[in-house]
Protein backbone atom coordinates (compact mmCIF):
# COMPACT_ATOMS: atom_id res chain seq x y z
CA MET A 1 25.60 5.28 -43.59
CA ARG A 2 26.19 3.05 -40.64
CA LYS A 3 23.98 3.33 -37.71
CA ARG A 4 25.41 3.19 -34.05
CA GLU A 5 24.14 0.61 -31.76
CA ALA A 6 23.31 1.90 -28.36
CA SER A 7 25.64 0.32 -25.70
CA PRO A 8 24.05 -0.75 -22.45
CA LEU A 9 27.48 0.08 -20.71
CA GLY A 10 26.39 3.66 -20.02
CA LEU A 11 23.15 2.57 -18.31
CA TYR A 12 25.03 0.06 -16.26
CA THR A 13 27.47 2.74 -15.08
CA ILE A 14 24.77 5.22 -14.09
CA GLY A 15 22.88 2.39 -12.30
CA ILE A 16 25.87 1.43 -10.27
CA ALA A 17 26.78 5.14 -9.51
CA ALA A 18 22.98 5.80 -8.30
CA LEU A 19 23.20 2.57 -6.26
CA PHE A 20 26.38 3.74 -4.43
CA LEU A 21 24.86 7.23 -4.07
CA ALA A 22 21.70 5.68 -2.46
CA GLY A 23 23.92 3.50 -0.14
CA PHE A 24 25.85 6.55 0.91
CA PHE A 25 22.79 8.73 1.69
CA LEU A 26 21.26 5.71 3.57
CA LEU A 27 24.53 5.28 5.54
CA VAL A 28 24.38 9.08 6.46
CA VAL A 29 20.92 8.99 7.58
CA LEU A 30 21.28 5.90 9.81
CA GLY A 31 24.46 7.34 11.12
CA ALA A 32 22.89 10.54 12.13
CA ARG A 33 20.02 8.72 13.84
CA SER A 34 22.30 6.56 15.75
CA TYR A 35 24.37 9.55 16.82
CA ARG A 36 21.20 11.40 17.91
CA ASP A 37 20.03 8.61 20.01
CA THR A 38 23.48 8.24 21.52
CA VAL A 39 23.65 11.83 22.47
CA THR A 40 19.99 11.72 23.91
CA GLY A 41 20.96 8.77 26.15
CA GLN A 42 24.15 10.54 27.16
CA ASP A 43 22.31 13.69 28.11
CA ARG A 44 19.70 11.77 30.23
CA ASN A 45 22.46 10.01 32.02
CA MET A 46 24.29 13.30 32.72
CA GLU A 47 21.10 14.96 34.12
CA THR A 48 20.61 12.02 36.37
CA ARG A 49 24.21 11.94 37.65
CA ALA A 50 24.06 15.82 38.06
CA LEU A 51 21.00 15.65 40.28
CA LEU A 52 22.27 12.94 42.46
CA ALA A 53 25.86 14.47 42.67
CA TYR A 54 24.20 17.77 43.66
CA PHE A 55 22.97 16.21 47.02
CA ALA A 56 26.26 14.57 47.69
CA ALA A 57 28.27 17.85 47.09
CA SER A 58 25.73 20.00 49.18
CA VAL A 59 25.96 17.59 52.16
CA LYS A 60 29.63 16.93 51.89
CA GLY A 61 30.28 20.69 51.72
CA SER A 62 28.62 21.08 55.37
CA ASP A 63 29.70 17.87 57.03
CA MET A 64 29.60 19.41 60.54
CA PRO A 65 27.83 18.18 63.71
CA GLY A 66 24.08 18.86 63.49
CA ALA A 67 24.16 20.44 60.00
CA VAL A 68 21.91 18.23 58.23
CA ALA A 69 18.29 17.72 59.17
CA VAL A 70 14.97 16.69 57.66
CA ARG A 71 11.72 18.78 58.27
CA GLU A 72 8.13 18.07 57.06
CA THR A 73 6.58 20.85 55.44
CA GLU A 74 3.24 21.28 53.67
CA GLU A 75 4.95 20.50 50.37
CA GLY A 76 6.51 17.33 51.85
CA PRO A 77 10.02 16.60 53.27
CA MET A 78 12.61 19.40 53.17
CA LEU A 79 16.26 18.61 53.45
CA LEU A 80 17.83 21.39 55.60
CA ILE A 81 21.62 22.00 55.39
CA ALA A 82 22.68 24.42 58.01
CA ASP A 83 25.32 27.09 57.18
CA GLY A 84 27.30 26.97 60.30
CA ASP A 85 26.04 28.95 63.28
CA THR A 86 24.62 31.85 61.17
CA GLY A 87 21.00 30.82 61.37
CA TYR A 88 20.91 30.34 57.54
CA ALA A 89 20.55 27.11 55.84
CA LEU A 90 20.35 25.56 52.34
CA ARG A 91 16.72 24.26 52.08
CA ILE A 92 15.89 21.60 49.52
CA TYR A 93 12.36 20.71 48.81
CA CYS A 94 10.01 19.63 45.92
CA ARG A 95 6.98 21.52 44.77
CA ASP A 96 4.75 20.75 41.79
CA GLY A 97 7.04 18.32 40.45
CA THR A 98 10.12 20.66 40.60
CA LEU A 99 12.99 20.28 42.99
CA LEU A 100 13.78 23.70 44.37
CA GLU A 101 16.91 25.10 46.50
CA GLU A 102 16.65 28.13 48.64
CA TYR A 103 19.21 29.73 50.81
CA ALA A 104 17.40 31.53 53.74
CA GLN A 105 16.96 31.84 57.43
CA ALA A 106 16.27 28.20 58.56
CA GLU A 107 13.10 28.97 60.41
CA ALA A 108 11.77 31.41 57.60
CA PRO A 109 8.71 30.37 55.70
CA LEU A 110 9.27 28.72 52.35
CA ALA A 111 9.55 31.21 49.40
CA PRO A 112 9.32 28.95 46.11
CA GLU A 113 9.13 32.16 44.07
CA THR A 114 12.71 33.12 44.88
CA ALA A 115 14.07 29.53 44.99
CA GLN A 116 16.53 28.12 42.27
CA VAL A 117 15.28 25.28 40.19
CA ILE A 118 17.54 22.15 40.71
CA GLY A 119 15.61 19.76 38.36
CA LYS A 120 12.39 18.05 37.55
CA THR A 121 11.20 15.26 39.72
CA GLU A 122 7.80 13.98 41.01
CA THR A 123 9.50 11.82 43.77
CA PHE A 124 11.43 13.49 46.69
CA SER A 125 12.11 11.64 49.86
CA VAL A 126 14.77 11.83 52.61
CA GLU A 127 15.52 9.08 55.09
CA GLU A 128 18.00 8.92 57.80
CA GLY A 129 19.25 5.90 59.72
CA ASP A 130 22.57 4.97 61.41
CA GLY A 131 24.16 7.96 60.19
CA LEU A 132 23.37 7.21 56.55
CA TRP A 133 21.11 9.53 54.66
CA THR A 134 19.20 8.31 51.69
CA VAL A 135 17.89 10.80 49.07
CA THR A 136 15.37 9.44 46.61
CA THR A 137 14.14 11.18 43.39
CA ASP A 138 12.94 10.17 39.94
CA ALA A 139 16.59 10.14 39.00
CA GLY A 140 17.49 7.30 41.39
CA ARG A 141 18.71 7.13 45.05
CA VAL A 142 21.83 8.51 46.54
CA ARG A 143 23.21 7.33 49.99
CA LEU A 144 25.18 10.02 51.94
CA HIS A 145 27.38 9.28 54.93
CA LEU A 146 28.26 12.03 57.17
CA ARG A 147 31.76 11.74 58.53
CA SER A 148 31.37 14.10 61.43
CA GLU A 149 30.06 12.81 64.65
CA GLY A 150 26.35 13.51 64.97
CA GLY A 151 26.19 15.03 61.53
CA GLY A 152 22.36 14.90 61.54
CA GLY A 153 20.21 17.24 63.42
CA ALA A 154 16.78 17.88 64.35
């Protein structure tokens, strides 16, 4: 009887298939990591833009003479956006690293327990000069120009 000689062709075929399979899995893992990093960066950018755009939208919606003011509180600066002549205002301030929004009477004491959380920030400052308001947070800085005459108030 004749003995069959083992052909190395089968081993080569299995080796090449394994190499392609390993390359495919490596490509999937690297692609998933790249996608995760891209989405994480995009989320951070959107959070930053949302926080800064919030100030612009809030002030633009109340662009009337004397509607915007800054008051110093024990928490730090508070951006006060009056709601017409109702005596109520949107009050935005920072407490314990959290930016809060409260809709209440302008002269009422702050009530952080009932306020809405806008976002996280350690830095919050509001400056006014020549009709241009500058709001600074950890997310960056936004400059707001009031179109109404005397948009800022005391």
